[in-house]
Amino acid sequence: MRTRYHAPQIEDAVKALGMAGEWGAVWVAIGLAGAAVDTTRRERWMRAAAVAPAAVGVNYLVKLAVRRRRPRLRRLPPLAAAPSKLSFPSAHATSSLAAATAMGRVTPGARPPLYGLAGAICLTRPYLGMHYPSDVLGGAAIGLVIGRLWPGLSGKGAEDRLIDLAASVGPWAVAGSADGSSADGRLRAPASQPSGQHPLGEGEPGRS
């Protein structure tokens, strides 16, 4: 990846994408935009916007523990700068997969473009000579875990939604109204009266 498809236009585009992923900046922007547009889930979007920077912090702790050096390829210097010489795991991969997973929990329908963007950012790292492929895979795995465990992002569960639906419908929609009419407005036979029989009138046999 460091030696192929390096036309100037492609390199410029990849560098720009890598810069957007620095410190999870693009993911913070997406989270804030989601909070501004999707007012019903604003709080969850705000929580998701904080995932990427937090993932960068977790990533750095792992870097300090592993202390793997960045790749150095002969006559192929890296095409971007980095705040640290430590390589494993990739912070871009960790923050991108964490944010994509977290935001996918907020709005599941957006998962394909979110994961597409995360994958593209991951590919910039070996392309620019900044990371080994294993750095990217390790960072992606950590990011997936962070995104899945980040609290306060999931909506109500199926059981809670059913309870809310039953409460909003109310018992009268099932049992009918108090005057004996059903939900469609037609009169119902009394519950104690067998279907197809008429009630006994005054003075009829069997009437006490």
N, C-alpha and C. Protein backbone atom coordinates (compact mmCIF):
# COMPACT_ATOMS: atom_id res chain seq x y z
N MET A 1 0.82 -1.21 0.00
CA MET A 1 0.00 0.00 0.00
C MET A 1 0.86 1.27 0.00
N ARG A 2 2.05 1.16 0.57
CA ARG A 2 2.92 2.34 0.59
C ARG A 2 3.57 2.60 -0.76
N THR A 3 3.55 1.63 -1.66
CA THR A 3 4.24 1.79 -2.94
C THR A 3 3.30 1.84 -4.14
N ARG A 4 2.01 1.54 -3.95
CA ARG A 4 1.10 1.47 -5.10
C ARG A 4 0.02 2.56 -5.02
N TYR A 5 -0.42 2.98 -6.21
CA TYR A 5 -1.52 3.95 -6.33
C TYR A 5 -1.20 5.25 -5.60
N HIS A 6 -0.03 5.79 -5.87
CA HIS A 6 0.39 7.02 -5.21
C HIS A 6 0.49 8.18 -6.18
N ALA A 7 -0.50 8.30 -7.06
CA ALA A 7 -0.59 9.50 -7.88
C ALA A 7 -0.83 10.70 -6.96
N PRO A 8 -0.34 11.88 -7.35
CA PRO A 8 -0.48 13.05 -6.46
C PRO A 8 -1.91 13.32 -6.02
N GLN A 9 -2.88 13.17 -6.92
CA GLN A 9 -4.27 13.45 -6.55
C GLN A 9 -4.76 12.46 -5.49
N ILE A 10 -4.38 11.19 -5.65
CA ILE A 10 -4.81 10.18 -4.69
C ILE A 10 -4.16 10.43 -3.34
N GLU A 11 -2.87 10.72 -3.35
CA GLU A 11 -2.18 11.01 -2.09
C GLU A 11 -2.81 12.19 -1.36
N ASP A 12 -3.13 13.24 -2.09
CA ASP A 12 -3.72 14.42 -1.46
C ASP A 12 -5.06 14.07 -0.81
N ALA A 13 -5.87 13.27 -1.51
CA ALA A 13 -7.17 12.88 -0.96
C ALA A 13 -7.01 12.02 0.29
N VAL A 14 -6.07 11.09 0.25
CA VAL A 14 -5.85 10.21 1.40
C VAL A 14 -5.30 11.01 2.59
N LYS A 15 -4.40 11.93 2.32
CA LYS A 15 -3.88 12.77 3.40
C LYS A 15 -4.99 13.59 4.05
N ALA A 16 -5.88 14.14 3.23
CA ALA A 16 -6.99 14.92 3.77
C ALA A 16 -7.90 14.06 4.64
N LEU A 17 -8.14 12.82 4.20
CA LEU A 17 -8.99 11.91 4.98
C LEU A 17 -8.29 11.55 6.29
N GLY A 18 -6.98 11.33 6.23
CA GLY A 18 -6.24 11.04 7.45
C GLY A 18 -6.27 12.21 8.43
N MET A 19 -6.15 13.42 7.92
CA MET A 19 -6.22 14.59 8.78
C MET A 19 -7.60 14.72 9.43
N ALA A 20 -8.65 14.38 8.68
CA ALA A 20 -10.00 14.45 9.25
C ALA A 20 -10.17 13.48 10.41
N GLY A 21 -9.43 12.38 10.36
CA GLY A 21 -9.53 11.40 11.43
C GLY A 21 -8.67 11.69 12.64
N GLU A 22 -7.81 12.71 12.58
CA GLU A 22 -6.95 13.04 13.72
C GLU A 22 -7.78 13.40 14.94
N TRP A 23 -7.45 12.75 16.07
CA TRP A 23 -8.13 12.99 17.34
C TRP A 23 -9.64 12.76 17.25
N GLY A 24 -10.07 12.03 16.22
CA GLY A 24 -11.50 11.76 16.07
C GLY A 24 -12.31 12.97 15.65
N ALA A 25 -11.65 13.96 15.01
CA ALA A 25 -12.33 15.23 14.71
C ALA A 25 -13.56 15.04 13.83
N VAL A 26 -13.43 14.23 12.77
CA VAL A 26 -14.56 14.06 11.86
C VAL A 26 -15.75 13.41 12.57
N TRP A 27 -15.46 12.54 13.55
CA TRP A 27 -16.54 11.85 14.26
C TRP A 27 -17.23 12.78 15.25
N VAL A 28 -16.46 13.66 15.85
CA VAL A 28 -17.08 14.67 16.71
C VAL A 28 -18.02 15.55 15.90
N ALA A 29 -17.57 15.93 14.69
CA ALA A 29 -18.40 16.77 13.82
C ALA A 29 -19.68 16.05 13.42
N ILE A 30 -19.57 14.77 13.10
CA ILE A 30 -20.76 13.99 12.73
C ILE A 30 -21.72 13.89 13.91
N GLY A 31 -21.19 13.64 15.10
CA GLY A 31 -22.05 13.54 16.28
C GLY A 31 -22.77 14.83 16.59
N LEU A 32 -22.06 15.96 16.47
CA LEU A 32 -22.71 17.25 16.73
C LEU A 32 -23.74 17.57 15.66
N ALA A 33 -23.45 17.21 14.40
CA ALA A 33 -24.44 17.43 13.34
C ALA A 33 -25.68 16.58 13.57
N GLY A 34 -25.48 15.33 13.99
CA GLY A 34 -26.62 14.48 14.30
C GLY A 34 -27.46 15.04 15.43
N ALA A 35 -26.80 15.60 16.45
CA ALA A 35 -27.54 16.19 17.57
C ALA A 35 -28.34 17.40 17.14
N ALA A 36 -27.80 18.16 16.18
CA ALA A 36 -28.51 19.35 15.71
C ALA A 36 -29.71 19.00 14.84
N VAL A 37 -29.61 17.93 14.08
CA VAL A 37 -30.68 17.55 13.14
C VAL A 37 -31.71 16.64 13.79
N ASP A 38 -31.25 15.66 14.52
CA ASP A 38 -32.13 14.65 15.12
C ASP A 38 -32.44 15.04 16.56
N THR A 39 -33.38 15.94 16.75
CA THR A 39 -33.65 16.48 18.08
C THR A 39 -34.22 15.44 19.04
N THR A 40 -34.92 14.43 18.53
CA THR A 40 -35.51 13.42 19.40
C THR A 40 -34.44 12.54 20.05
N ARG A 41 -33.27 12.45 19.43
CA ARG A 41 -32.18 11.63 19.98
C ARG A 41 -30.95 12.49 20.25
N ARG A 42 -31.17 13.75 20.56
CA ARG A 42 -30.05 14.68 20.72
C ARG A 42 -29.08 14.24 21.81
N GLU A 43 -29.60 13.85 22.95
CA GLU A 43 -28.72 13.46 24.05
C GLU A 43 -27.87 12.27 23.67
N ARG A 44 -28.43 11.30 22.96
CA ARG A 44 -27.67 10.12 22.55
C ARG A 44 -26.61 10.49 21.52
N TRP A 45 -26.92 11.42 20.61
CA TRP A 45 -25.91 11.88 19.66
C TRP A 45 -24.76 12.59 20.37
N MET A 46 -25.07 13.37 21.38
CA MET A 46 -24.02 14.07 22.12
C MET A 46 -23.11 13.07 22.84
N ARG A 47 -23.71 12.04 23.37
CA ARG A 47 -22.90 10.99 23.99
C ARG A 47 -22.01 10.32 22.95
N ALA A 48 -22.56 10.05 21.78
CA ALA A 48 -21.78 9.39 20.73
C ALA A 48 -20.64 10.28 20.23
N ALA A 49 -20.85 11.59 20.23
CA ALA A 49 -19.80 12.50 19.78
C ALA A 49 -18.57 12.45 20.67
N ALA A 50 -18.74 12.05 21.92
CA ALA A 50 -17.61 11.99 22.85
C ALA A 50 -16.84 10.68 22.77
N VAL A 51 -17.35 9.72 22.01
CA VAL A 51 -16.72 8.40 21.98
C VAL A 51 -15.33 8.45 21.34
N ALA A 52 -15.20 9.12 20.20
CA ALA A 52 -13.92 9.11 19.48
C ALA A 52 -12.78 9.71 20.30
N PRO A 53 -12.92 10.92 20.90
CA PRO A 53 -11.83 11.42 21.73
C PRO A 53 -11.50 10.51 22.91
N ALA A 54 -12.52 9.93 23.51
CA ALA A 54 -12.27 9.02 24.62
C ALA A 54 -11.51 7.79 24.14
N ALA A 55 -11.85 7.29 22.96
CA ALA A 55 -11.16 6.13 22.41
C ALA A 55 -9.69 6.43 22.13
N VAL A 56 -9.40 7.66 21.72
CA VAL A 56 -8.00 8.06 21.51
C VAL A 56 -7.22 7.96 22.82
N GLY A 57 -7.85 8.38 23.92
CA GLY A 57 -7.20 8.28 25.22
C GLY A 57 -6.92 6.84 25.62
N VAL A 58 -7.90 5.96 25.43
CA VAL A 58 -7.70 4.54 25.71
C VAL A 58 -6.59 3.98 24.83
N ASN A 59 -6.60 4.36 23.57
CA ASN A 59 -5.59 3.90 22.63
C ASN A 59 -4.18 4.25 23.10
N TYR A 60 -4.01 5.46 23.60
CA TYR A 60 -2.68 5.88 24.01
C TYR A 60 -2.19 5.08 25.21
N LEU A 61 -3.09 4.72 26.11
CA LEU A 61 -2.69 3.89 27.24
C LEU A 61 -2.17 2.54 26.77
N VAL A 62 -2.83 1.98 25.76
CA VAL A 62 -2.36 0.70 25.21
C VAL A 62 -1.02 0.89 24.51
N LYS A 63 -0.86 1.98 23.79
CA LYS A 63 0.42 2.29 23.14
C LYS A 63 1.56 2.30 24.16
N LEU A 64 1.33 2.95 25.31
CA LEU A 64 2.36 3.03 26.33
C LEU A 64 2.72 1.65 26.88
N ALA A 65 1.72 0.78 26.93
CA ALA A 65 1.98 -0.56 27.45
C ALA A 65 2.74 -1.43 26.44
N VAL A 66 2.40 -1.29 25.15
CA VAL A 66 3.02 -2.15 24.12
C VAL A 66 4.35 -1.58 23.65
N ARG A 67 4.40 -0.27 23.40
CA ARG A 67 5.60 0.44 23.00
C ARG A 67 6.20 -0.09 21.69
N ARG A 68 5.39 -0.36 20.75
CA ARG A 68 5.85 -0.76 19.42
C ARG A 68 6.19 0.50 18.62
N ARG A 69 7.29 0.47 17.90
CA ARG A 69 7.72 1.61 17.11
C ARG A 69 7.03 1.62 15.75
N ARG A 70 6.87 2.79 15.19
CA ARG A 70 6.24 2.92 13.87
C ARG A 70 7.14 2.31 12.79
N PRO A 71 6.53 1.89 11.68
CA PRO A 71 7.34 1.28 10.61
C PRO A 71 8.32 2.27 9.99
N ARG A 72 9.48 1.77 9.62
CA ARG A 72 10.48 2.55 8.92
C ARG A 72 10.90 1.79 7.68
N LEU A 73 10.42 2.21 6.54
CA LEU A 73 10.69 1.53 5.29
C LEU A 73 11.80 2.26 4.54
N ARG A 74 12.75 1.49 4.01
CA ARG A 74 13.88 2.08 3.32
C ARG A 74 13.42 2.89 2.12
N ARG A 75 13.86 4.13 2.06
CA ARG A 75 13.57 5.06 0.97
C ARG A 75 12.07 5.35 0.84
N LEU A 76 11.31 5.02 1.86
CA LEU A 76 9.87 5.29 1.83
C LEU A 76 9.46 5.92 3.17
N PRO A 77 9.74 7.18 3.37
CA PRO A 77 9.37 7.82 4.63
C PRO A 77 7.86 7.94 4.76
N PRO A 78 7.36 8.06 5.98
CA PRO A 78 5.91 8.25 6.16
C PRO A 78 5.46 9.56 5.53
N LEU A 79 4.23 9.57 5.06
CA LEU A 79 3.68 10.73 4.35
C LEU A 79 2.83 11.63 5.23
N ALA A 80 2.88 11.42 6.52
CA ALA A 80 2.12 12.26 7.46
C ALA A 80 2.88 12.32 8.77
N ALA A 81 2.53 13.28 9.60
CA ALA A 81 3.16 13.43 10.91
C ALA A 81 2.29 12.79 11.98
N ALA A 82 2.90 12.51 13.13
CA ALA A 82 2.18 11.91 14.25
C ALA A 82 2.71 12.48 15.55
N PRO A 83 1.85 12.62 16.57
CA PRO A 83 2.31 13.18 17.85
C PRO A 83 3.16 12.22 18.65
N SER A 84 3.19 10.95 18.26
CA SER A 84 3.94 9.95 19.02
C SER A 84 4.64 9.00 18.06
N LYS A 85 5.77 8.43 18.50
CA LYS A 85 6.49 7.43 17.70
C LYS A 85 5.98 6.02 17.94
N LEU A 86 4.98 5.90 18.82
CA LEU A 86 4.43 4.58 19.14
C LEU A 86 3.38 4.19 18.11
N SER A 87 3.34 2.91 17.78
CA SER A 87 2.57 2.47 16.62
C SER A 87 1.34 1.63 16.94
N PHE A 88 1.45 0.72 17.90
CA PHE A 88 0.35 -0.21 18.15
C PHE A 88 -0.43 0.20 19.40
N PRO A 89 -1.75 0.30 19.24
CA PRO A 89 -2.59 0.18 18.05
C PRO A 89 -2.80 1.54 17.38
N SER A 90 -3.39 1.53 16.20
CA SER A 90 -3.66 2.76 15.47
C SER A 90 -4.78 3.55 16.14
N ALA A 91 -4.49 4.80 16.50
CA ALA A 91 -5.52 5.64 17.11
C ALA A 91 -6.63 5.98 16.12
N HIS A 92 -6.28 6.15 14.86
CA HIS A 92 -7.31 6.41 13.84
C HIS A 92 -8.29 5.25 13.76
N ALA A 93 -7.76 4.03 13.79
CA ALA A 93 -8.63 2.86 13.70
C ALA A 93 -9.49 2.71 14.95
N THR A 94 -8.86 2.92 16.12
CA THR A 94 -9.62 2.79 17.37
C THR A 94 -10.75 3.80 17.45
N SER A 95 -10.44 5.08 17.20
CA SER A 95 -11.47 6.11 17.32
C SER A 95 -12.54 5.97 16.24
N SER A 96 -12.15 5.58 15.03
CA SER A 96 -13.12 5.48 13.95
C SER A 96 -14.09 4.33 14.16
N LEU A 97 -13.59 3.16 14.53
CA LEU A 97 -14.50 2.03 14.76
C LEU A 97 -15.33 2.23 16.01
N ALA A 98 -14.76 2.86 17.03
CA ALA A 98 -15.54 3.13 18.24
C ALA A 98 -16.69 4.08 17.92
N ALA A 99 -16.40 5.15 17.18
CA ALA A 99 -17.45 6.12 16.88
C ALA A 99 -18.49 5.55 15.92
N ALA A 100 -18.05 4.83 14.89
CA ALA A 100 -18.99 4.26 13.94
C ALA A 100 -19.93 3.26 14.63
N THR A 101 -19.38 2.45 15.52
CA THR A 101 -20.21 1.48 16.25
C THR A 101 -21.17 2.18 17.18
N ALA A 102 -20.69 3.20 17.89
CA ALA A 102 -21.56 3.93 18.82
C ALA A 102 -22.68 4.65 18.08
N MET A 103 -22.35 5.34 16.99
CA MET A 103 -23.37 6.06 16.24
C MET A 103 -24.32 5.11 15.53
N GLY A 104 -23.84 3.95 15.17
CA GLY A 104 -24.72 2.95 14.59
C GLY A 104 -25.75 2.43 15.58
N ARG A 105 -25.42 2.51 16.86
CA ARG A 105 -26.41 2.15 17.87
C ARG A 105 -27.47 3.23 18.02
N VAL A 106 -27.09 4.47 17.78
CA VAL A 106 -28.06 5.56 17.85
C VAL A 106 -29.01 5.51 16.67
N THR A 107 -28.48 5.29 15.47
CA THR A 107 -29.29 5.22 14.27
C THR A 107 -28.82 4.05 13.42
N PRO A 108 -29.38 2.87 13.61
CA PRO A 108 -28.91 1.67 12.91
C PRO A 108 -28.93 1.79 11.39
N GLY A 109 -29.83 2.58 10.83
CA GLY A 109 -29.90 2.71 9.39
C GLY A 109 -28.68 3.38 8.78
N ALA A 110 -27.90 4.08 9.59
CA ALA A 110 -26.71 4.79 9.09
C ALA A 110 -25.45 3.96 9.19
N ARG A 111 -25.55 2.71 9.61
CA ARG A 111 -24.35 1.90 9.80
C ARG A 111 -23.51 1.72 8.53
N PRO A 112 -24.10 1.45 7.35
CA PRO A 112 -23.25 1.27 6.16
C PRO A 112 -22.34 2.47 5.86
N PRO A 113 -22.85 3.72 5.80
CA PRO A 113 -21.92 4.82 5.54
C PRO A 113 -20.96 5.08 6.69
N LEU A 114 -21.40 4.86 7.93
CA LEU A 114 -20.51 5.07 9.06
C LEU A 114 -19.34 4.10 9.03
N TYR A 115 -19.63 2.84 8.80
CA TYR A 115 -18.54 1.85 8.74
C TYR A 115 -17.72 2.03 7.46
N GLY A 116 -18.35 2.51 6.40
CA GLY A 116 -17.59 2.79 5.19
C GLY A 116 -16.54 3.88 5.43
N LEU A 117 -16.94 4.95 6.11
CA LEU A 117 -16.00 6.02 6.43
C LEU A 117 -14.91 5.52 7.37
N ALA A 118 -15.30 4.74 8.37
CA ALA A 118 -14.31 4.20 9.31
C ALA A 118 -13.30 3.32 8.58
N GLY A 119 -13.77 2.48 7.68
CA GLY A 119 -12.86 1.61 6.93
C GLY A 119 -11.91 2.41 6.05
N ALA A 120 -12.42 3.47 5.43
CA ALA A 120 -11.56 4.30 4.58
C ALA A 120 -10.47 4.98 5.40
N ILE A 121 -10.82 5.46 6.59
CA ILE A 121 -9.82 6.09 7.46
C ILE A 121 -8.78 5.07 7.90
N CYS A 122 -9.22 3.86 8.19
CA CYS A 122 -8.27 2.81 8.57
C CYS A 122 -7.26 2.54 7.46
N LEU A 123 -7.72 2.53 6.22
CA LEU A 123 -6.84 2.24 5.10
C LEU A 123 -5.80 3.32 4.86
N THR A 124 -6.07 4.54 5.33
CA THR A 124 -5.09 5.60 5.14
C THR A 124 -3.80 5.33 5.93
N ARG A 125 -3.87 4.57 7.00
CA ARG A 125 -2.71 4.42 7.88
C ARG A 125 -1.57 3.65 7.22
N PRO A 126 -1.79 2.44 6.68
CA PRO A 126 -0.68 1.79 5.97
C PRO A 126 -0.36 2.46 4.63
N TYR A 127 -1.37 3.06 4.00
CA TYR A 127 -1.13 3.74 2.73
C TYR A 127 -0.13 4.88 2.91
N LEU A 128 -0.25 5.62 4.00
CA LEU A 128 0.65 6.74 4.28
C LEU A 128 1.92 6.31 4.99
N GLY A 129 2.07 5.02 5.24
CA GLY A 129 3.28 4.53 5.90
C GLY A 129 3.33 4.81 7.38
N MET A 130 2.18 5.04 8.00
CA MET A 130 2.13 5.41 9.41
C MET A 130 2.00 4.21 10.34
N HIS A 131 1.46 3.10 9.83
CA HIS A 131 1.19 1.95 10.69
C HIS A 131 1.37 0.65 9.92
N TYR A 132 1.69 -0.40 10.68
CA TYR A 132 1.62 -1.76 10.15
C TYR A 132 0.14 -2.17 10.05
N PRO A 133 -0.19 -3.09 9.16
CA PRO A 133 -1.59 -3.57 9.11
C PRO A 133 -2.08 -4.11 10.45
N SER A 134 -1.20 -4.76 11.21
CA SER A 134 -1.64 -5.30 12.50
C SER A 134 -1.98 -4.19 13.49
N ASP A 135 -1.34 -3.02 13.33
CA ASP A 135 -1.72 -1.87 14.17
C ASP A 135 -3.18 -1.49 13.92
N VAL A 136 -3.55 -1.49 12.65
CA VAL A 136 -4.91 -1.11 12.27
C VAL A 136 -5.92 -2.14 12.77
N LEU A 137 -5.59 -3.41 12.59
CA LEU A 137 -6.52 -4.46 13.04
C LEU A 137 -6.69 -4.43 14.56
N GLY A 138 -5.58 -4.24 15.28
CA GLY A 138 -5.68 -4.16 16.74
C GLY A 138 -6.50 -2.95 17.18
N GLY A 139 -6.26 -1.81 16.55
CA GLY A 139 -7.03 -0.62 16.89
C GLY A 139 -8.50 -0.78 16.59
N ALA A 140 -8.81 -1.42 15.45
CA ALA A 140 -10.21 -1.63 15.08
C ALA A 140 -10.92 -2.52 16.09
N ALA A 141 -10.24 -3.57 16.56
CA ALA A 141 -10.85 -4.47 17.54
C ALA A 141 -11.15 -3.73 18.84
N ILE A 142 -10.20 -2.92 19.30
CA ILE A 142 -10.43 -2.16 20.54
C ILE A 142 -11.59 -1.17 20.34
N GLY A 143 -11.61 -0.53 19.18
CA GLY A 143 -12.68 0.42 18.90
C GLY A 143 -14.05 -0.21 18.90
N LEU A 144 -14.16 -1.40 18.32
CA LEU A 144 -15.45 -2.10 18.31
C LEU A 144 -15.94 -2.37 19.72
N VAL A 145 -15.04 -2.77 20.59
CA VAL A 145 -15.42 -3.04 21.98
C VAL A 145 -15.88 -1.76 22.67
N ILE A 146 -15.13 -0.69 22.48
CA ILE A 146 -15.51 0.59 23.11
C ILE A 146 -16.87 1.05 22.62
N GLY A 147 -17.08 0.96 21.32
CA GLY A 147 -18.35 1.40 20.75
C GLY A 147 -19.54 0.59 21.24
N ARG A 148 -19.32 -0.71 21.45
CA ARG A 148 -20.41 -1.55 21.93
C ARG A 148 -20.70 -1.33 23.41
N LEU A 149 -19.69 -0.98 24.18
CA LEU A 149 -19.87 -0.85 25.63
C LEU A 149 -20.20 0.57 26.07
N TRP A 150 -20.07 1.55 25.18
CA TRP A 150 -20.31 2.93 25.59
C TRP A 150 -21.75 3.09 26.07
N PRO A 151 -21.97 3.63 27.26
CA PRO A 151 -23.33 3.66 27.83
C PRO A 151 -24.20 4.78 27.27
N GLY A 152 -25.50 4.59 27.42
CA GLY A 152 -26.47 5.64 27.13
C GLY A 152 -26.78 5.87 25.68
N LEU A 153 -26.53 4.88 24.81
CA LEU A 153 -26.75 5.08 23.38
C LEU A 153 -27.94 4.31 22.83
N SER A 154 -28.28 3.20 23.43
CA SER A 154 -29.36 2.37 22.90
C SER A 154 -30.71 2.95 23.28
N GLY A 155 -31.69 2.76 22.38
CA GLY A 155 -33.05 3.17 22.67
C GLY A 155 -33.72 2.17 23.57
N LYS A 156 -35.02 2.31 23.72
CA LYS A 156 -35.77 1.39 24.56
C LYS A 156 -35.77 0.01 23.94
N GLY A 157 -35.76 -1.00 24.81
CA GLY A 157 -35.83 -2.37 24.34
C GLY A 157 -37.23 -2.71 23.86
N ALA A 158 -37.34 -3.89 23.24
CA ALA A 158 -38.62 -4.31 22.67
C ALA A 158 -39.70 -4.41 23.74
N GLU A 159 -39.34 -4.92 24.92
CA GLU A 159 -40.33 -5.06 25.99
C GLU A 159 -40.83 -3.69 26.44
N ASP A 160 -39.92 -2.72 26.59
CA ASP A 160 -40.33 -1.39 27.00
C ASP A 160 -41.23 -0.74 25.95
N ARG A 161 -40.92 -0.95 24.67
CA ARG A 161 -41.75 -0.37 23.62
C ARG A 161 -43.14 -0.97 23.61
N LEU A 162 -43.27 -2.26 23.88
CA LEU A 162 -44.59 -2.90 23.93
C LEU A 162 -45.40 -2.37 25.11
N ILE A 163 -44.73 -2.16 26.23
CA ILE A 163 -45.42 -1.61 27.39
C ILE A 163 -45.93 -0.20 27.09
N ASP A 164 -45.08 0.62 26.46
CA ASP A 164 -45.50 1.98 26.10
C ASP A 164 -46.67 1.95 25.12
N LEU A 165 -46.63 1.03 24.16
CA LEU A 165 -47.71 0.94 23.19
C LEU A 165 -49.02 0.54 23.86
N ALA A 166 -48.96 -0.45 24.76
CA ALA A 166 -50.17 -0.87 25.47
C ALA A 166 -50.73 0.26 26.32
N ALA A 167 -49.85 1.02 26.94
CA ALA A 167 -50.30 2.14 27.78
C ALA A 167 -50.95 3.24 26.95
N SER A 168 -50.41 3.46 25.74
CA SER A 168 -50.97 4.51 24.90
C SER A 168 -52.31 4.11 24.30
N VAL A 169 -52.50 2.82 24.01
CA VAL A 169 -53.76 2.34 23.44
C VAL A 169 -54.85 2.35 24.50
N GLY A 170 -54.53 1.84 25.69
CA GLY A 170 -55.50 1.83 26.78
C GLY A 170 -56.41 0.61 26.71
N PRO A 171 -56.99 0.20 27.83
CA PRO A 171 -57.83 -1.01 27.87
C PRO A 171 -59.13 -0.86 27.10
N TRP A 172 -59.61 0.39 26.89
CA TRP A 172 -60.91 0.56 26.24
C TRP A 172 -60.86 0.16 24.76
N ALA A 173 -59.69 0.21 24.16
CA ALA A 173 -59.60 -0.16 22.75
C ALA A 173 -59.79 -1.64 22.56
N VAL A 174 -59.56 -2.42 23.64
CA VAL A 174 -59.70 -3.86 23.54
C VAL A 174 -61.06 -4.30 24.07
N ALA A 175 -61.43 -3.81 25.23
CA ALA A 175 -62.66 -4.26 25.87
C ALA A 175 -63.88 -3.50 25.43
N GLY A 176 -63.71 -2.37 24.72
CA GLY A 176 -64.85 -1.57 24.31
C GLY A 176 -65.16 -0.51 25.32
N SER A 177 -66.06 0.38 25.00
CA SER A 177 -66.38 1.49 25.89
C SER A 177 -67.36 1.04 26.95
N ALA A 178 -67.60 1.93 27.94
CA ALA A 178 -68.42 1.57 29.09
C ALA A 178 -69.87 1.35 28.72
N ASP A 179 -70.38 1.91 27.60
CA ASP A 179 -71.79 1.76 27.26
C ASP A 179 -72.07 0.50 26.47
N GLY A 180 -71.07 -0.40 26.37
CA GLY A 180 -71.29 -1.66 25.69
C GLY A 180 -70.96 -1.64 24.24
N SER A 181 -70.50 -0.54 23.71
CA SER A 181 -70.12 -0.51 22.29
C SER A 181 -68.67 -0.91 22.15
N SER A 182 -68.34 -1.52 21.04
CA SER A 182 -66.97 -1.95 20.78
C SER A 182 -66.19 -0.80 20.19
N ALA A 183 -64.91 -1.05 19.87
CA ALA A 183 -64.04 0.01 19.36
C ALA A 183 -64.52 0.54 18.03
N ASP A 184 -65.31 -0.27 17.25
CA ASP A 184 -65.80 0.21 15.95
C ASP A 184 -67.17 0.86 16.05
N GLY A 185 -67.70 1.04 17.31
CA GLY A 185 -68.94 1.77 17.51
C GLY A 185 -70.18 0.90 17.53
N ARG A 186 -70.06 -0.41 17.29
CA ARG A 186 -71.24 -1.28 17.27
C ARG A 186 -71.52 -1.82 18.67
N LEU A 187 -72.82 -2.03 18.96
CA LEU A 187 -73.19 -2.56 20.26
C LEU A 187 -72.79 -4.01 20.36
N ARG A 188 -72.34 -4.39 21.55
CA ARG A 188 -71.99 -5.77 21.81
C ARG A 188 -73.04 -6.40 22.70
N ALA A 189 -73.21 -7.72 22.59
CA ALA A 189 -74.11 -8.43 23.48
C ALA A 189 -73.52 -8.46 24.87
N PRO A 190 -74.34 -8.45 25.91
CA PRO A 190 -73.81 -8.52 27.27
C PRO A 190 -72.94 -9.76 27.43
N ALA A 191 -71.93 -9.65 28.27
CA ALA A 191 -70.98 -10.75 28.40
C ALA A 191 -71.65 -12.00 28.93
N SER A 192 -72.74 -11.86 29.76
CA SER A 192 -73.38 -13.02 30.35
C SER A 192 -74.45 -13.61 29.44
N GLN A 193 -74.79 -12.96 28.33
CA GLN A 193 -75.87 -13.42 27.46
C GLN A 193 -75.29 -14.27 26.34
N PRO A 194 -75.68 -15.52 26.20
CA PRO A 194 -75.18 -16.36 25.10
C PRO A 194 -75.53 -15.73 23.76
N SER A 195 -74.64 -15.88 22.82
CA SER A 195 -74.82 -15.29 21.50
C SER A 195 -76.03 -15.91 20.81
N GLY A 196 -76.85 -15.11 20.15
CA GLY A 196 -77.99 -15.58 19.38
C GLY A 196 -79.27 -15.68 20.18
N GLN A 197 -79.30 -15.42 21.49
CA GLN A 197 -80.49 -15.49 22.32
C GLN A 197 -80.91 -14.10 22.75
N HIS A 198 -82.21 -13.90 22.97
CA HIS A 198 -82.75 -12.62 23.40
C HIS A 198 -82.95 -12.64 24.91
N PRO A 199 -82.77 -11.53 25.55
CA PRO A 199 -83.03 -11.49 27.00
C PRO A 199 -84.50 -11.70 27.31
N LEU A 200 -84.81 -12.31 28.45
CA LEU A 200 -86.20 -12.57 28.85
C LEU A 200 -86.88 -11.28 29.25
N GLY A 201 -88.13 -11.08 28.77
CA GLY A 201 -88.88 -9.88 29.13
C GLY A 201 -89.68 -10.12 30.39
N GLU A 202 -90.30 -9.05 30.88
CA GLU A 202 -91.11 -9.13 32.09
C GLU A 202 -92.32 -10.03 31.86
N GLY A 203 -92.56 -11.00 32.71
CA GLY A 203 -93.73 -11.86 32.61
C GLY A 203 -93.50 -13.10 31.75
N GLU A 204 -92.37 -13.22 31.11
CA GLU A 204 -92.12 -14.38 30.29
C GLU A 204 -91.77 -15.56 31.17
N PRO A 205 -92.03 -16.80 30.66
CA PRO A 205 -91.70 -17.98 31.47
C PRO A 205 -90.22 -18.00 31.81
N GLY A 206 -89.98 -18.40 33.03
CA GLY A 206 -88.60 -18.48 33.48
C GLY A 206 -88.12 -17.19 34.09
N ARG A 207 -88.94 -16.12 33.99
CA ARG A 207 -88.54 -14.84 34.58
C ARG A 207 -89.06 -14.78 36.00
N SER A 208 -88.28 -14.60 36.99
CA SER A 208 -88.74 -14.58 38.38
C SER A 208 -88.90 -13.13 38.84
